[in-house]
Amino acid sequence: MTRFLLRILIVQLIFIGSISGLFSSKVKNATKYELRQKILTLGSSYTVKDDQDQSIYKVGFKKVSLGKHLQLTDVSGEKEYYAIKHILNPLGLAKYEIRQNDTVVAEVNRKMNLLGGKKFKIKSKYGNFKIEGNFGSREFTIQREYKIVATISKKFFTIGDKYGVKIEQGQDVPFILALAIIVDEVAHD
C-alpha cells in the first residue's frame, strides 16, 4: 500500500513539474488577444479583441440544433471563419467538430485524466494538436506536434469571463481562437 501511494505521489510530482514547465515556457513572437464572453445573451456569445483593444472577431449561435453550434466570424458577422459544433456524447466527454464551409477540418476530443488536469486531443487538417491545463486556474497550453503554439490564461482577468490568448505568429489565428472557445465551453458545462 505504501509503495502504491509513493508511486502516485511521484507521478503527481512529475505531472506538476511538467505542467509548470509548460506554463513557464513562453510562446515566442506571440500576439495577444482577449476573448470575452458576453454575459447577458441567450447562450454563448463572445467578442475577440486584439492587443490594440480593437474588436476583430465575434462568436455567436449559428443555428438551433441538438448540441451547441457556434460560428466564429469577422466583426460584421458576414465572413465566417469556422463553425464549432458540440457533438452530444453518451459518455459525457466533450466532443466538438470545427468546420469550415460545412466541411469538418478538426475533431476535438476531451480525454480523461486521473491526475486532475484536463486534456484535449485534436486531429485536424493542420496537424495534431493537444490542449493541456487546469480548469481551476484556467491556464492552458495548446501544442502542435509537441511545440507550444498558444497559451490561454484567465490569470490577469478576474472580473467577468475573459481570457488572454497568446498565439505564436504564423498560426491560423481564428482556428486557435476556436480551440480556446471550446476550452471555455467545456469549462461551463
N, C-alpha and C. Protein backbone atom coordinates (compact mmCIF):
# COMPACT_ATOMS: atom_id res chain seq x y z
N MET A 1 0.83 -1.19 0.00
CA MET A 1 0.00 0.00 0.00
C MET A 1 0.88 1.25 0.00
N THR A 2 1.94 1.23 0.82
CA THR A 2 2.84 2.37 0.89
C THR A 2 3.54 2.60 -0.44
N ARG A 3 3.95 1.50 -1.10
CA ARG A 3 4.60 1.63 -2.41
C ARG A 3 3.65 2.24 -3.43
N PHE A 4 2.40 1.82 -3.37
CA PHE A 4 1.40 2.34 -4.30
C PHE A 4 1.21 3.84 -4.09
N LEU A 5 1.08 4.27 -2.85
CA LEU A 5 0.92 5.70 -2.55
C LEU A 5 2.15 6.50 -2.96
N LEU A 6 3.32 5.91 -2.75
CA LEU A 6 4.57 6.58 -3.15
C LEU A 6 4.61 6.74 -4.67
N ARG A 7 4.19 5.74 -5.41
CA ARG A 7 4.17 5.83 -6.87
C ARG A 7 3.19 6.92 -7.34
N ILE A 8 2.05 6.97 -6.71
CA ILE A 8 1.07 8.01 -7.07
C ILE A 8 1.66 9.39 -6.80
N LEU A 9 2.31 9.56 -5.67
CA LEU A 9 2.93 10.85 -5.32
C LEU A 9 3.99 11.22 -6.35
N ILE A 10 4.82 10.28 -6.74
CA ILE A 10 5.87 10.54 -7.73
C ILE A 10 5.27 10.94 -9.06
N VAL A 11 4.23 10.22 -9.50
CA VAL A 11 3.58 10.54 -10.76
C VAL A 11 2.99 11.94 -10.71
N GLN A 12 2.36 12.30 -9.58
CA GLN A 12 1.78 13.64 -9.44
C GLN A 12 2.86 14.71 -9.47
N LEU A 13 3.99 14.47 -8.81
CA LEU A 13 5.08 15.45 -8.81
C LEU A 13 5.66 15.62 -10.21
N ILE A 14 5.79 14.54 -10.93
CA ILE A 14 6.28 14.63 -12.31
C ILE A 14 5.29 15.41 -13.16
N PHE A 15 4.00 15.11 -12.99
CA PHE A 15 2.97 15.81 -13.74
C PHE A 15 2.98 17.30 -13.42
N ILE A 16 3.02 17.65 -12.16
CA ILE A 16 3.03 19.06 -11.76
C ILE A 16 4.29 19.76 -12.29
N GLY A 17 5.40 19.08 -12.23
CA GLY A 17 6.64 19.65 -12.76
C GLY A 17 6.58 19.88 -14.25
N SER A 18 5.99 18.93 -14.97
CA SER A 18 5.90 19.11 -16.43
C SER A 18 4.92 20.21 -16.78
N ILE A 19 3.81 20.30 -16.06
CA ILE A 19 2.83 21.35 -16.32
C ILE A 19 3.43 22.72 -16.00
N SER A 20 4.09 22.86 -14.86
CA SER A 20 4.66 24.16 -14.53
C SER A 20 5.76 24.53 -15.52
N GLY A 21 6.48 23.53 -16.03
CA GLY A 21 7.47 23.79 -17.06
C GLY A 21 6.83 24.27 -18.35
N LEU A 22 5.67 23.73 -18.66
CA LEU A 22 4.97 24.16 -19.87
C LEU A 22 4.53 25.60 -19.75
N PHE A 23 4.00 25.98 -18.57
CA PHE A 23 3.47 27.32 -18.43
C PHE A 23 4.59 28.35 -18.30
N SER A 24 5.75 27.93 -17.85
CA SER A 24 6.85 28.89 -17.80
C SER A 24 7.44 29.10 -19.19
N SER A 25 7.20 28.14 -20.07
CA SER A 25 7.64 28.31 -21.46
C SER A 25 6.79 29.39 -22.09
N LYS A 26 7.43 30.28 -22.78
CA LYS A 26 6.69 31.36 -23.42
C LYS A 26 6.51 31.05 -24.89
N VAL A 27 5.41 31.54 -25.40
CA VAL A 27 5.17 31.44 -26.82
C VAL A 27 5.99 32.55 -27.46
N LYS A 28 6.86 32.18 -28.37
CA LYS A 28 7.74 33.17 -28.99
C LYS A 28 7.01 33.91 -30.09
N ASN A 29 7.32 35.18 -30.26
CA ASN A 29 6.70 36.01 -31.30
C ASN A 29 5.18 35.89 -31.26
N ALA A 30 4.62 36.11 -30.07
CA ALA A 30 3.18 35.93 -29.88
C ALA A 30 2.42 37.23 -30.03
N THR A 31 1.18 37.09 -30.48
CA THR A 31 0.24 38.20 -30.50
C THR A 31 -0.81 37.90 -29.44
N LYS A 32 -1.18 38.91 -28.67
CA LYS A 32 -2.14 38.73 -27.59
C LYS A 32 -3.54 39.09 -28.06
N TYR A 33 -4.50 38.27 -27.62
CA TYR A 33 -5.91 38.51 -27.91
C TYR A 33 -6.69 38.40 -26.61
N GLU A 34 -7.81 39.09 -26.55
CA GLU A 34 -8.70 38.99 -25.40
C GLU A 34 -9.99 38.34 -25.87
N LEU A 35 -10.33 37.23 -25.26
CA LEU A 35 -11.56 36.50 -25.56
C LEU A 35 -12.52 36.81 -24.42
N ARG A 36 -13.63 37.47 -24.73
CA ARG A 36 -14.57 37.90 -23.69
C ARG A 36 -15.95 37.33 -23.99
N GLN A 37 -16.49 36.59 -23.03
CA GLN A 37 -17.84 36.07 -23.20
C GLN A 37 -18.83 37.15 -22.78
N LYS A 38 -19.83 37.37 -23.63
CA LYS A 38 -20.87 38.33 -23.29
C LYS A 38 -21.78 37.68 -22.26
N ILE A 39 -22.09 38.43 -21.21
CA ILE A 39 -22.83 37.87 -20.09
C ILE A 39 -24.34 37.81 -20.35
N LEU A 40 -24.93 38.86 -20.83
CA LEU A 40 -26.39 38.93 -20.94
C LEU A 40 -26.89 38.54 -22.33
N THR A 41 -26.56 37.32 -22.76
CA THR A 41 -27.04 36.84 -24.05
C THR A 41 -27.64 35.46 -23.86
N LEU A 42 -28.46 35.07 -24.79
CA LEU A 42 -29.03 33.74 -24.78
C LEU A 42 -27.99 32.79 -25.36
N GLY A 43 -27.44 31.93 -24.53
CA GLY A 43 -26.41 31.01 -24.99
C GLY A 43 -25.04 31.66 -24.97
N SER A 44 -24.13 31.11 -25.74
CA SER A 44 -22.75 31.57 -25.77
C SER A 44 -22.55 32.63 -26.83
N SER A 45 -21.91 33.71 -26.44
CA SER A 45 -21.59 34.78 -27.36
C SER A 45 -20.29 35.41 -26.88
N TYR A 46 -19.37 35.64 -27.79
CA TYR A 46 -18.05 36.16 -27.44
C TYR A 46 -17.67 37.30 -28.37
N THR A 47 -16.77 38.14 -27.88
CA THR A 47 -16.07 39.08 -28.74
C THR A 47 -14.58 38.82 -28.55
N VAL A 48 -13.81 39.06 -29.60
CA VAL A 48 -12.36 38.89 -29.54
C VAL A 48 -11.73 40.22 -29.92
N LYS A 49 -10.83 40.70 -29.04
CA LYS A 49 -10.13 41.95 -29.31
C LYS A 49 -8.64 41.65 -29.49
N ASP A 50 -8.00 42.47 -30.31
CA ASP A 50 -6.56 42.32 -30.49
C ASP A 50 -5.82 43.09 -29.40
N ASP A 51 -4.50 43.13 -29.49
CA ASP A 51 -3.72 43.82 -28.46
C ASP A 51 -3.82 45.34 -28.55
N GLN A 52 -4.53 45.86 -29.55
CA GLN A 52 -4.80 47.29 -29.67
C GLN A 52 -6.21 47.62 -29.15
N ASP A 53 -6.87 46.64 -28.51
CA ASP A 53 -8.21 46.76 -27.95
C ASP A 53 -9.27 46.99 -29.02
N GLN A 54 -9.02 46.49 -30.23
CA GLN A 54 -9.97 46.58 -31.33
C GLN A 54 -10.71 45.25 -31.48
N SER A 55 -12.02 45.29 -31.59
CA SER A 55 -12.79 44.08 -31.83
C SER A 55 -12.48 43.57 -33.24
N ILE A 56 -12.09 42.29 -33.34
CA ILE A 56 -11.73 41.75 -34.65
C ILE A 56 -12.53 40.52 -35.04
N TYR A 57 -13.09 39.81 -34.06
CA TYR A 57 -13.91 38.64 -34.33
C TYR A 57 -15.08 38.65 -33.36
N LYS A 58 -16.12 37.89 -33.73
CA LYS A 58 -17.19 37.65 -32.78
C LYS A 58 -17.66 36.21 -32.95
N VAL A 59 -18.29 35.71 -31.90
CA VAL A 59 -18.79 34.34 -31.89
C VAL A 59 -20.23 34.38 -31.41
N GLY A 60 -21.09 33.66 -32.11
CA GLY A 60 -22.48 33.57 -31.70
C GLY A 60 -23.09 32.28 -32.21
N PHE A 61 -24.36 32.07 -31.88
CA PHE A 61 -25.05 30.87 -32.34
C PHE A 61 -25.19 30.86 -33.85
N LYS A 62 -24.91 29.71 -34.46
CA LYS A 62 -25.09 29.57 -35.90
C LYS A 62 -26.53 29.18 -36.20
N LYS A 63 -27.02 28.17 -35.53
CA LYS A 63 -28.40 27.75 -35.69
C LYS A 63 -28.77 26.90 -34.49
N VAL A 64 -30.03 26.78 -34.26
CA VAL A 64 -30.50 25.95 -33.16
C VAL A 64 -30.52 24.50 -33.63
N SER A 65 -29.87 23.64 -32.88
CA SER A 65 -29.85 22.22 -33.21
C SER A 65 -29.52 21.46 -31.94
N LEU A 66 -29.46 20.14 -32.05
CA LEU A 66 -29.07 19.33 -30.92
C LEU A 66 -27.61 19.59 -30.62
N GLY A 67 -27.30 20.04 -29.44
CA GLY A 67 -25.94 20.45 -29.11
C GLY A 67 -25.73 21.89 -29.55
N LYS A 68 -24.67 22.49 -29.07
CA LYS A 68 -24.37 23.87 -29.45
C LYS A 68 -23.74 23.93 -30.83
N HIS A 69 -24.04 24.98 -31.55
CA HIS A 69 -23.48 25.19 -32.87
C HIS A 69 -23.14 26.68 -32.97
N LEU A 70 -21.86 27.01 -32.78
CA LEU A 70 -21.40 28.39 -32.78
C LEU A 70 -20.68 28.71 -34.08
N GLN A 71 -20.55 29.99 -34.37
CA GLN A 71 -19.76 30.38 -35.52
C GLN A 71 -18.84 31.54 -35.15
N LEU A 72 -17.61 31.46 -35.64
CA LEU A 72 -16.59 32.49 -35.45
C LEU A 72 -16.55 33.29 -36.74
N THR A 73 -16.88 34.59 -36.63
CA THR A 73 -16.96 35.45 -37.82
C THR A 73 -16.13 36.71 -37.62
N ASP A 74 -16.04 37.49 -38.69
CA ASP A 74 -15.48 38.83 -38.54
C ASP A 74 -16.49 39.65 -37.73
N VAL A 75 -16.12 40.88 -37.39
CA VAL A 75 -16.96 41.71 -36.52
C VAL A 75 -18.33 41.98 -37.14
N SER A 76 -18.40 42.09 -38.45
CA SER A 76 -19.68 42.36 -39.11
C SER A 76 -20.60 41.15 -39.12
N GLY A 77 -20.03 39.96 -38.92
CA GLY A 77 -20.82 38.74 -38.97
C GLY A 77 -21.00 38.20 -40.37
N GLU A 78 -20.41 38.85 -41.35
CA GLU A 78 -20.60 38.45 -42.74
C GLU A 78 -19.66 37.32 -43.18
N LYS A 79 -18.42 37.34 -42.71
CA LYS A 79 -17.46 36.32 -43.12
C LYS A 79 -17.28 35.30 -42.00
N GLU A 80 -17.68 34.07 -42.26
CA GLU A 80 -17.49 33.00 -41.27
C GLU A 80 -16.13 32.36 -41.48
N TYR A 81 -15.36 32.29 -40.39
CA TYR A 81 -14.07 31.61 -40.44
C TYR A 81 -14.24 30.13 -40.11
N TYR A 82 -14.91 29.86 -38.97
CA TYR A 82 -15.12 28.49 -38.52
C TYR A 82 -16.45 28.38 -37.81
N ALA A 83 -17.03 27.19 -37.90
CA ALA A 83 -18.20 26.84 -37.11
C ALA A 83 -17.76 25.80 -36.09
N ILE A 84 -18.29 25.89 -34.89
CA ILE A 84 -17.93 24.99 -33.80
C ILE A 84 -19.19 24.23 -33.41
N LYS A 85 -19.17 22.93 -33.54
CA LYS A 85 -20.35 22.13 -33.23
C LYS A 85 -20.05 21.17 -32.10
N HIS A 86 -20.88 21.23 -31.06
CA HIS A 86 -20.79 20.31 -29.93
C HIS A 86 -21.52 19.04 -30.31
N ILE A 87 -20.83 17.93 -30.28
CA ILE A 87 -21.41 16.63 -30.59
C ILE A 87 -21.80 15.98 -29.28
N LEU A 88 -23.06 15.65 -29.12
CA LEU A 88 -23.52 15.01 -27.89
C LEU A 88 -22.89 13.62 -27.78
N ASN A 89 -22.38 13.33 -26.60
CA ASN A 89 -21.65 12.10 -26.36
C ASN A 89 -22.30 11.39 -25.17
N PRO A 90 -22.72 10.13 -25.33
CA PRO A 90 -23.40 9.44 -24.22
C PRO A 90 -22.52 9.24 -22.99
N LEU A 91 -21.21 9.27 -23.16
CA LEU A 91 -20.31 9.12 -22.01
C LEU A 91 -20.10 10.42 -21.26
N GLY A 92 -20.58 11.51 -21.81
CA GLY A 92 -20.44 12.79 -21.13
C GLY A 92 -19.13 13.51 -21.41
N LEU A 93 -18.25 12.90 -22.19
CA LEU A 93 -16.99 13.55 -22.53
C LEU A 93 -17.23 14.53 -23.67
N ALA A 94 -16.59 15.67 -23.58
CA ALA A 94 -16.78 16.71 -24.60
C ALA A 94 -16.20 16.25 -25.93
N LYS A 95 -16.97 16.44 -26.98
CA LYS A 95 -16.51 16.20 -28.34
C LYS A 95 -17.03 17.33 -29.20
N TYR A 96 -16.15 17.93 -29.97
CA TYR A 96 -16.52 19.05 -30.83
C TYR A 96 -15.95 18.82 -32.22
N GLU A 97 -16.63 19.42 -33.19
CA GLU A 97 -16.11 19.48 -34.55
C GLU A 97 -15.92 20.95 -34.90
N ILE A 98 -14.82 21.24 -35.56
CA ILE A 98 -14.61 22.57 -36.12
C ILE A 98 -14.76 22.42 -37.62
N ARG A 99 -15.65 23.25 -38.17
CA ARG A 99 -15.98 23.13 -39.59
C ARG A 99 -15.65 24.43 -40.31
N GLN A 100 -15.31 24.27 -41.58
CA GLN A 100 -15.08 25.41 -42.46
C GLN A 100 -15.84 25.12 -43.74
N ASN A 101 -16.76 26.01 -44.10
CA ASN A 101 -17.61 25.79 -45.28
C ASN A 101 -18.32 24.43 -45.21
N ASP A 102 -18.85 24.10 -44.04
CA ASP A 102 -19.59 22.86 -43.78
C ASP A 102 -18.75 21.59 -43.94
N THR A 103 -17.44 21.73 -43.98
CA THR A 103 -16.54 20.58 -44.03
C THR A 103 -15.80 20.49 -42.70
N VAL A 104 -15.77 19.29 -42.10
CA VAL A 104 -15.07 19.12 -40.82
C VAL A 104 -13.57 19.23 -41.08
N VAL A 105 -12.94 20.20 -40.40
CA VAL A 105 -11.48 20.37 -40.53
C VAL A 105 -10.75 19.93 -39.27
N ALA A 106 -11.51 19.72 -38.16
CA ALA A 106 -10.88 19.26 -36.93
C ALA A 106 -11.89 18.58 -36.03
N GLU A 107 -11.43 17.55 -35.33
CA GLU A 107 -12.21 16.89 -34.29
C GLU A 107 -11.49 17.09 -32.98
N VAL A 108 -12.22 17.58 -31.99
CA VAL A 108 -11.66 17.86 -30.67
C VAL A 108 -12.31 16.92 -29.67
N ASN A 109 -11.48 16.13 -28.99
CA ASN A 109 -11.98 15.17 -28.01
C ASN A 109 -11.33 15.42 -26.66
N ARG A 110 -12.17 15.50 -25.63
CA ARG A 110 -11.65 15.64 -24.27
C ARG A 110 -11.27 14.25 -23.78
N LYS A 111 -10.11 14.17 -23.16
CA LYS A 111 -9.60 12.91 -22.63
C LYS A 111 -9.67 12.93 -21.11
N MET A 112 -9.95 11.79 -20.54
CA MET A 112 -9.96 11.67 -19.08
C MET A 112 -8.52 11.69 -18.57
N ASN A 113 -8.33 12.37 -17.46
CA ASN A 113 -7.02 12.43 -16.83
C ASN A 113 -7.23 12.23 -15.34
N LEU A 114 -6.75 11.13 -14.82
CA LEU A 114 -6.98 10.79 -13.41
C LEU A 114 -6.22 11.68 -12.45
N LEU A 115 -5.25 12.43 -12.93
CA LEU A 115 -4.46 13.28 -12.05
C LEU A 115 -5.04 14.67 -11.90
N GLY A 116 -6.19 14.93 -12.47
CA GLY A 116 -6.86 16.21 -12.25
C GLY A 116 -6.72 17.23 -13.35
N GLY A 117 -5.73 17.13 -14.20
CA GLY A 117 -5.61 18.07 -15.30
C GLY A 117 -6.60 17.74 -16.39
N LYS A 118 -6.74 18.61 -17.34
CA LYS A 118 -7.64 18.38 -18.46
C LYS A 118 -6.83 18.31 -19.74
N LYS A 119 -7.25 17.41 -20.63
CA LYS A 119 -6.56 17.23 -21.90
C LYS A 119 -7.56 17.15 -23.02
N PHE A 120 -7.17 17.72 -24.14
CA PHE A 120 -7.95 17.60 -25.35
C PHE A 120 -7.00 17.15 -26.45
N LYS A 121 -7.45 16.24 -27.27
CA LYS A 121 -6.68 15.82 -28.45
C LYS A 121 -7.43 16.33 -29.67
N ILE A 122 -6.68 16.90 -30.59
CA ILE A 122 -7.27 17.49 -31.78
C ILE A 122 -6.61 16.88 -33.01
N LYS A 123 -7.43 16.30 -33.87
CA LYS A 123 -6.96 15.83 -35.16
C LYS A 123 -7.53 16.80 -36.17
N SER A 124 -6.64 17.42 -36.95
CA SER A 124 -7.12 18.44 -37.88
C SER A 124 -6.34 18.39 -39.18
N LYS A 125 -6.85 19.13 -40.14
CA LYS A 125 -6.14 19.23 -41.43
C LYS A 125 -4.85 20.03 -41.25
N TYR A 126 -4.68 20.71 -40.11
CA TYR A 126 -3.48 21.49 -39.82
C TYR A 126 -2.45 20.69 -39.04
N GLY A 127 -2.76 19.43 -38.73
CA GLY A 127 -1.87 18.60 -37.93
C GLY A 127 -2.55 18.21 -36.63
N ASN A 128 -1.81 17.52 -35.78
CA ASN A 128 -2.34 17.09 -34.49
C ASN A 128 -1.99 18.11 -33.41
N PHE A 129 -2.98 18.45 -32.62
CA PHE A 129 -2.81 19.40 -31.54
C PHE A 129 -3.18 18.72 -30.23
N LYS A 130 -2.71 19.32 -29.13
CA LYS A 130 -3.06 18.85 -27.80
C LYS A 130 -3.24 20.09 -26.94
N ILE A 131 -4.29 20.07 -26.14
CA ILE A 131 -4.51 21.14 -25.17
C ILE A 131 -4.43 20.51 -23.80
N GLU A 132 -3.62 21.11 -22.92
CA GLU A 132 -3.50 20.63 -21.54
C GLU A 132 -3.63 21.80 -20.60
N GLY A 133 -4.18 21.52 -19.43
CA GLY A 133 -4.28 22.59 -18.45
C GLY A 133 -5.18 22.24 -17.31
N ASN A 134 -5.61 23.29 -16.62
CA ASN A 134 -6.35 23.13 -15.39
C ASN A 134 -7.55 24.06 -15.40
N PHE A 135 -8.76 23.50 -15.24
CA PHE A 135 -9.96 24.32 -15.23
C PHE A 135 -10.05 25.17 -13.97
N GLY A 136 -9.44 24.72 -12.88
CA GLY A 136 -9.46 25.50 -11.64
C GLY A 136 -8.74 26.83 -11.80
N SER A 137 -7.55 26.79 -12.36
CA SER A 137 -6.77 28.02 -12.55
C SER A 137 -7.01 28.65 -13.91
N ARG A 138 -7.67 27.91 -14.79
CA ARG A 138 -7.95 28.37 -16.16
C ARG A 138 -6.66 28.76 -16.90
N GLU A 139 -5.69 27.89 -16.82
CA GLU A 139 -4.41 28.06 -17.52
C GLU A 139 -4.21 26.86 -18.44
N PHE A 140 -4.01 27.11 -19.72
CA PHE A 140 -3.89 26.03 -20.70
C PHE A 140 -2.79 26.33 -21.70
N THR A 141 -2.24 25.28 -22.27
CA THR A 141 -1.32 25.42 -23.40
C THR A 141 -1.90 24.66 -24.58
N ILE A 142 -1.64 25.17 -25.76
CA ILE A 142 -2.02 24.49 -27.00
C ILE A 142 -0.72 24.11 -27.69
N GLN A 143 -0.55 22.82 -27.93
CA GLN A 143 0.66 22.32 -28.56
C GLN A 143 0.33 21.72 -29.92
N ARG A 144 1.24 21.95 -30.83
CA ARG A 144 1.15 21.30 -32.14
C ARG A 144 2.44 20.53 -32.33
N GLU A 145 2.30 19.22 -32.46
CA GLU A 145 3.48 18.36 -32.62
C GLU A 145 4.52 18.66 -31.53
N TYR A 146 4.09 18.73 -30.27
CA TYR A 146 4.93 18.90 -29.08
C TYR A 146 5.54 20.29 -28.94
N LYS A 147 5.10 21.23 -29.72
CA LYS A 147 5.60 22.60 -29.62
C LYS A 147 4.45 23.51 -29.19
N ILE A 148 4.66 24.31 -28.16
CA ILE A 148 3.61 25.21 -27.70
C ILE A 148 3.42 26.32 -28.73
N VAL A 149 2.19 26.44 -29.23
CA VAL A 149 1.88 27.46 -30.23
C VAL A 149 0.95 28.53 -29.67
N ALA A 150 0.36 28.27 -28.49
CA ALA A 150 -0.54 29.25 -27.89
C ALA A 150 -0.74 28.93 -26.42
N THR A 151 -1.09 29.96 -25.66
CA THR A 151 -1.47 29.78 -24.26
C THR A 151 -2.80 30.48 -24.04
N ILE A 152 -3.57 29.93 -23.12
CA ILE A 152 -4.85 30.50 -22.74
C ILE A 152 -4.76 30.75 -21.24
N SER A 153 -5.07 31.97 -20.82
CA SER A 153 -4.93 32.30 -19.41
C SER A 153 -6.06 33.20 -18.94
N LYS A 154 -6.57 32.88 -17.77
CA LYS A 154 -7.55 33.76 -17.13
C LYS A 154 -6.87 34.51 -15.98
N LYS A 155 -5.58 34.32 -15.83
CA LYS A 155 -4.82 34.85 -14.71
C LYS A 155 -5.00 36.36 -14.53
N PHE A 156 -4.96 37.10 -15.60
CA PHE A 156 -4.99 38.55 -15.49
C PHE A 156 -6.40 39.12 -15.56
N PHE A 157 -7.39 38.27 -15.74
CA PHE A 157 -8.76 38.73 -15.85
C PHE A 157 -9.58 38.11 -14.73
N THR A 158 -9.99 38.91 -13.77
CA THR A 158 -10.71 38.35 -12.64
C THR A 158 -12.19 38.69 -12.66
N ILE A 159 -12.58 39.76 -13.33
CA ILE A 159 -13.98 40.15 -13.38
C ILE A 159 -14.56 39.66 -14.71
N GLY A 160 -15.70 38.98 -14.65
CA GLY A 160 -16.32 38.50 -15.88
C GLY A 160 -15.60 37.28 -16.42
N ASP A 161 -16.00 36.89 -17.59
CA ASP A 161 -15.43 35.70 -18.21
C ASP A 161 -14.55 36.12 -19.37
N LYS A 162 -13.29 36.41 -19.06
CA LYS A 162 -12.32 36.86 -20.06
C LYS A 162 -11.08 35.99 -20.00
N TYR A 163 -10.51 35.78 -21.16
CA TYR A 163 -9.25 35.04 -21.25
C TYR A 163 -8.26 35.83 -22.09
N GLY A 164 -7.01 35.71 -21.72
CA GLY A 164 -5.95 36.20 -22.57
C GLY A 164 -5.46 35.01 -23.39
N VAL A 165 -5.34 35.18 -24.69
CA VAL A 165 -4.86 34.12 -25.57
C VAL A 165 -3.65 34.66 -26.31
N LYS A 166 -2.50 34.03 -26.10
CA LYS A 166 -1.29 34.40 -26.82
C LYS A 166 -1.07 33.36 -27.91
N ILE A 167 -0.95 33.84 -29.14
CA ILE A 167 -0.83 32.94 -30.29
C ILE A 167 0.45 33.26 -31.04
N GLU A 168 1.26 32.22 -31.23
CA GLU A 168 2.51 32.37 -31.97
C GLU A 168 2.21 32.84 -33.40
N GLN A 169 3.04 33.75 -33.88
CA GLN A 169 2.87 34.23 -35.25
C GLN A 169 3.03 33.07 -36.22
N GLY A 170 2.28 33.15 -37.31
CA GLY A 170 2.32 32.10 -38.31
C GLY A 170 1.24 31.05 -38.13
N GLN A 171 0.48 31.11 -37.03
CA GLN A 171 -0.60 30.17 -36.79
C GLN A 171 -1.89 30.71 -37.40
N ASP A 172 -2.84 29.84 -37.62
CA ASP A 172 -4.17 30.23 -38.09
C ASP A 172 -4.92 30.77 -36.87
N VAL A 173 -4.94 32.09 -36.72
CA VAL A 173 -5.49 32.74 -35.52
C VAL A 173 -6.94 32.34 -35.27
N PRO A 174 -7.84 32.43 -36.26
CA PRO A 174 -9.22 32.02 -35.98
C PRO A 174 -9.34 30.56 -35.52
N PHE A 175 -8.51 29.66 -36.07
CA PHE A 175 -8.55 28.26 -35.66
C PHE A 175 -8.14 28.12 -34.19
N ILE A 176 -7.05 28.76 -33.81
CA ILE A 176 -6.59 28.69 -32.41
C ILE A 176 -7.64 29.31 -31.49
N LEU A 177 -8.26 30.41 -31.89
CA LEU A 177 -9.32 31.01 -31.09
C LEU A 177 -10.51 30.07 -30.96
N ALA A 178 -10.83 29.32 -32.01
CA ALA A 178 -11.91 28.33 -31.93
C ALA A 178 -11.58 27.27 -30.88
N LEU A 179 -10.32 26.87 -30.80
CA LEU A 179 -9.90 25.92 -29.76
C LEU A 179 -10.07 26.52 -28.37
N ALA A 180 -9.71 27.80 -28.21
CA ALA A 180 -9.87 28.48 -26.91
C ALA A 180 -11.34 28.57 -26.51
N ILE A 181 -12.20 28.80 -27.48
CA ILE A 181 -13.65 28.87 -27.21
C ILE A 181 -14.16 27.52 -26.74
N ILE A 182 -13.67 26.45 -27.35
CA ILE A 182 -14.07 25.11 -26.92
C ILE A 182 -13.66 24.87 -25.48
N VAL A 183 -12.45 25.27 -25.10
CA VAL A 183 -11.99 25.11 -23.72
C VAL A 183 -12.95 25.83 -22.79
N ASP A 184 -13.33 27.06 -23.12
CA ASP A 184 -14.25 27.81 -22.26
C ASP A 184 -15.63 27.16 -22.23
N GLU A 185 -16.11 26.67 -23.34
CA GLU A 185 -17.41 25.99 -23.38
C GLU A 185 -17.41 24.77 -22.45
N VAL A 186 -16.33 24.00 -22.49
CA VAL A 186 -16.25 22.80 -21.63
C VAL A 186 -16.16 23.23 -20.16
N ALA A 187 -15.50 24.34 -19.88
CA ALA A 187 -15.39 24.83 -18.50
C ALA A 187 -16.76 25.16 -17.92
N HIS A 188 -17.70 25.55 -18.77
CA HIS A 188 -19.03 25.93 -18.29
C HIS A 188 -20.05 24.79 -18.32
N ASP A 189 -19.70 23.67 -18.93
CA ASP A 189 -20.64 22.53 -18.98
C ASP A 189 -20.69 21.80 -17.67
